[in-house]
Amino acid sequence: MYLFWKVGKFTWEKKSYCENIIKKCSLFLAYYFGNSKIFSYENIVFMRKFYLYFPIYIDDMSKLEWDTYLELMKINNKKICYFYYQLSLFCKLTSKDLKVIIENNFYNMI
């Protein structure tokens, strides 16, 4: 998880220094790590959003799977995202469980 957070931080901090930083970072990391789909352009965009939503890395963040964060990053409201993040940690939700809870609009029920 820390690597994804660092990639997001890097692409955010270097955006003004390099044109197409996300594409270049994606190509480099995919090559470096063996042409992995993990470092696709879309995932690098999510990694940047991951960093922007969670600008301070804490150890609890490694308790969730990347798929769970992908579900969280689909939420455009940070307050609601943090609510579901805390719920995921507390209840040890899988990404599928979290998706169902988000689709059922649990946040607005309470």
C-alpha atoms as a PDB file:
ATOM      1  CA  MET A   1       0.000   0.000   0.000  1.00  0.00           C
ATOM      2  CA  TYR A   2       2.854   2.333   0.812  1.00  0.00           C
ATOM      3  CA  LEU A   3       4.263   1.982  -2.711  1.00  0.00           C
ATOM      4  CA  PHE A   4       0.925   3.016  -4.225  1.00  0.00           C
ATOM      5  CA  TRP A   5       0.740   5.994  -1.869  1.00  0.00           C
ATOM      6  CA  LYS A   6       4.311   7.023  -2.786  1.00  0.00           C
ATOM      7  CA  VAL A   7       3.545   6.740  -6.513  1.00  0.00           C
ATOM      8  CA  GLY A   8       0.496   8.963  -5.999  1.00  0.00           C
ATOM      9  CA  LYS A   9       2.551  11.469  -4.044  1.00  0.00           C
ATOM     10  CA  PHE A  10       5.281  11.473  -6.689  1.00  0.00           C
ATOM     11  CA  THR A  11       2.885  12.064  -9.578  1.00  0.00           C
ATOM     12  CA  TRP A  12       1.152  14.864  -7.679  1.00  0.00           C
ATOM     13  CA  GLU A  13       4.353  16.635  -6.651  1.00  0.00           C
ATOM     14  CA  LYS A  14       6.018  16.336 -10.075  1.00  0.00           C
ATOM     15  CA  LYS A  15       2.993  17.258 -12.196  1.00  0.00           C
ATOM     16  CA  SER A  16       4.305  20.738 -12.953  1.00  0.00           C
ATOM     17  CA  TYR A  17       7.818  19.510 -13.799  1.00  0.00           C
ATOM     18  CA  CYS A  18       6.927  16.866 -16.339  1.00  0.00           C
ATOM     19  CA  GLU A  19       4.318  16.703 -19.052  1.00  0.00           C
ATOM     20  CA  ASN A  20       2.237  13.506 -19.007  1.00  0.00           C
ATOM     21  CA  ILE A  21       3.762  12.405 -15.695  1.00  0.00           C
ATOM     22  CA  ILE A  22       1.086   9.763 -15.124  1.00  0.00           C
ATOM     23  CA  LYS A  23       1.633   8.129 -18.513  1.00  0.00           C
ATOM     24  CA  LYS A  24       5.426   8.204 -18.148  1.00  0.00           C
ATOM     25  CA  CYS A  25       5.275   6.858 -14.604  1.00  0.00           C
ATOM     26  CA  SER A  26       2.914   4.098 -15.723  1.00  0.00           C
ATOM     27  CA  LEU A  27       5.209   3.028 -18.556  1.00  0.00           C
ATOM     28  CA  PHE A  28       8.307   3.085 -16.370  1.00  0.00           C
ATOM     29  CA  LEU A  29       6.782   1.183 -13.443  1.00  0.00           C
ATOM     30  CA  ALA A  30       5.116  -1.386 -15.701  1.00  0.00           C
ATOM     31  CA  TYR A  31       8.491  -2.021 -17.330  1.00  0.00           C
ATOM     32  CA  TYR A  32      10.387  -2.031 -14.027  1.00  0.00           C
ATOM     33  CA  PHE A  33       7.964  -4.415 -12.313  1.00  0.00           C
ATOM     34  CA  GLY A  34       7.490  -6.696 -15.304  1.00  0.00           C
ATOM     35  CA  ASN A  35       4.703  -5.143 -17.368  1.00  0.00           C
ATOM     36  CA  SER A  36       2.249  -5.412 -14.524  1.00  0.00           C
ATOM     37  CA  LYS A  37      -1.358  -4.224 -14.949  1.00  0.00           C
ATOM     38  CA  ILE A  38      -1.101  -2.826 -11.445  1.00  0.00           C
ATOM     39  CA  PHE A  39       0.681   0.172 -12.908  1.00  0.00           C
ATOM     40  CA  SER A  40      -1.772   0.884 -15.702  1.00  0.00           C
ATOM     41  CA  TYR A  41      -2.587   4.490 -16.472  1.00  0.00           C
ATOM     42  CA  GLU A  42      -5.963   4.177 -14.717  1.00  0.00           C
ATOM     43  CA  ASN A  43      -4.400   2.724 -11.569  1.00  0.00           C
ATOM     44  CA  ILE A  44      -1.799   5.502 -11.442  1.00  0.00           C
ATOM     45  CA  VAL A  45      -4.679   7.999 -11.581  1.00  0.00           C
ATOM     46  CA  PHE A  46      -6.255   6.176  -8.616  1.00  0.00           C
ATOM     47  CA  MET A  47      -2.896   6.206  -6.802  1.00  0.00           C
ATOM     48  CA  ARG A  48      -2.744   9.969  -7.186  1.00  0.00           C
ATOM     49  CA  LYS A  49      -6.296  10.262  -5.878  1.00  0.00           C
ATOM     50  CA  PHE A  50      -5.332   7.889  -3.048  1.00  0.00           C
ATOM     51  CA  TYR A  51      -2.574  10.289  -2.038  1.00  0.00           C
ATOM     52  CA  LEU A  52      -4.859  13.309  -2.318  1.00  0.00           C
ATOM     53  CA  TYR A  53      -7.547  11.693  -0.155  1.00  0.00           C
ATOM     54  CA  PHE A  54      -5.031  10.376   2.378  1.00  0.00           C
ATOM     55  CA  PRO A  55      -2.125  12.879   2.371  1.00  0.00           C
ATOM     56  CA  ILE A  56      -0.582  11.416   5.512  1.00  0.00           C
ATOM     57  CA  TYR A  57       0.284   7.737   5.391  1.00  0.00           C
ATOM     58  CA  ILE A  58      -0.539   5.767   8.538  1.00  0.00           C
ATOM     59  CA  ASP A  59       0.026   2.094   9.283  1.00  0.00           C
ATOM     60  CA  ASP A  60      -3.715   1.361   9.436  1.00  0.00           C
ATOM     61  CA  MET A  61      -3.905   1.993   5.712  1.00  0.00           C
ATOM     62  CA  SER A  62      -2.116  -1.287   5.043  1.00  0.00           C
ATOM     63  CA  LYS A  63      -4.961  -3.192   6.717  1.00  0.00           C
ATOM     64  CA  LEU A  64      -7.183  -2.746   3.659  1.00  0.00           C
ATOM     65  CA  GLU A  65      -6.714  -4.264   0.226  1.00  0.00           C
ATOM     66  CA  TRP A  66      -6.084  -2.099  -2.837  1.00  0.00           C
ATOM     67  CA  ASP A  67      -9.466  -3.160  -4.263  1.00  0.00           C
ATOM     68  CA  THR A  68     -11.122  -1.608  -1.216  1.00  0.00           C
ATOM     69  CA  TYR A  69      -9.325   1.666  -1.868  1.00  0.00           C
ATOM     70  CA  LEU A  70     -10.405   1.524  -5.493  1.00  0.00           C
ATOM     71  CA  GLU A  71     -14.018   1.428  -4.288  1.00  0.00           C
ATOM     72  CA  LEU A  72     -13.338   4.295  -1.890  1.00  0.00           C
ATOM     73  CA  MET A  73     -11.728   6.406  -4.619  1.00  0.00           C
ATOM     74  CA  LYS A  74     -14.921   6.238  -6.654  1.00  0.00           C
ATOM     75  CA  ILE A  75     -16.544   8.440  -4.005  1.00  0.00           C
ATOM     76  CA  ASN A  76     -16.073  12.109  -4.880  1.00  0.00           C
ATOM     77  CA  ASN A  77     -16.846  13.450  -1.418  1.00  0.00           C
ATOM     78  CA  LYS A  78     -13.915  13.164   1.021  1.00  0.00           C
ATOM     79  CA  LYS A  79     -16.131  13.251   4.112  1.00  0.00           C
ATOM     80  CA  ILE A  80     -18.198  10.320   2.864  1.00  0.00           C
ATOM     81  CA  CYS A  81     -15.048   8.516   1.702  1.00  0.00           C
ATOM     82  CA  TYR A  82     -13.516   8.806   5.188  1.00  0.00           C
ATOM     83  CA  PHE A  83     -16.719   7.490   6.724  1.00  0.00           C
ATOM     84  CA  TYR A  84     -16.596   4.377   4.540  1.00  0.00           C
ATOM     85  CA  TYR A  85     -12.856   4.069   5.150  1.00  0.00           C
ATOM     86  CA  GLN A  86     -13.396   3.973   8.918  1.00  0.00           C
ATOM     87  CA  LEU A  87     -16.301   1.568   8.492  1.00  0.00           C
ATOM     88  CA  SER A  88     -14.121  -0.705   6.340  1.00  0.00           C
ATOM     89  CA  LEU A  89     -11.377  -0.740   8.960  1.00  0.00           C
ATOM     90  CA  PHE A  90     -13.726  -1.298  11.879  1.00  0.00           C
ATOM     91  CA  CYS A  91     -15.793  -4.027  10.223  1.00  0.00           C
ATOM     92  CA  LYS A  92     -12.910  -5.519   8.179  1.00  0.00           C
ATOM     93  CA  LEU A  93     -14.973  -5.238   5.010  1.00  0.00           C
ATOM     94  CA  THR A  94     -13.933  -6.740   1.709  1.00  0.00           C
ATOM     95  CA  SER A  95     -14.189  -4.598  -1.412  1.00  0.00           C
ATOM     96  CA  LYS A  96     -17.324  -6.491  -2.457  1.00  0.00           C
ATOM     97  CA  ASP A  97     -18.984  -5.879   0.908  1.00  0.00           C
ATOM     98  CA  LEU A  98     -18.034  -2.218   0.792  1.00  0.00           C
ATOM     99  CA  LYS A  99     -19.412  -1.861  -2.726  1.00  0.00           C
ATOM    100  CA  VAL A 100     -22.784  -3.249  -1.609  1.00  0.00           C
ATOM    101  CA  ILE A 101     -22.867  -0.914   1.399  1.00  0.00           C
ATOM    102  CA  ILE A 102     -22.019   2.098  -0.766  1.00  0.00           C
ATOM    103  CA  GLU A 103     -24.608   1.132  -3.395  1.00  0.00           C
ATOM    104  CA  ASN A 104     -27.241   0.888  -0.652  1.00  0.00           C
ATOM    105  CA  ASN A 105     -26.310   4.423   0.426  1.00  0.00           C
ATOM    106  CA  PHE A 106     -25.599   3.438   4.018  1.00  0.00           C
ATOM    107  CA  TYR A 107     -24.100   6.850   4.755  1.00  0.00           C
ATOM    108  CA  ASN A 108     -27.435   8.591   4.292  1.00  0.00           C
ATOM    109  CA  MET A 109     -29.298   6.026   6.413  1.00  0.00           C
ATOM    110  CA  ILE A 110     -27.668   7.075   9.649  1.00  0.00           C
END
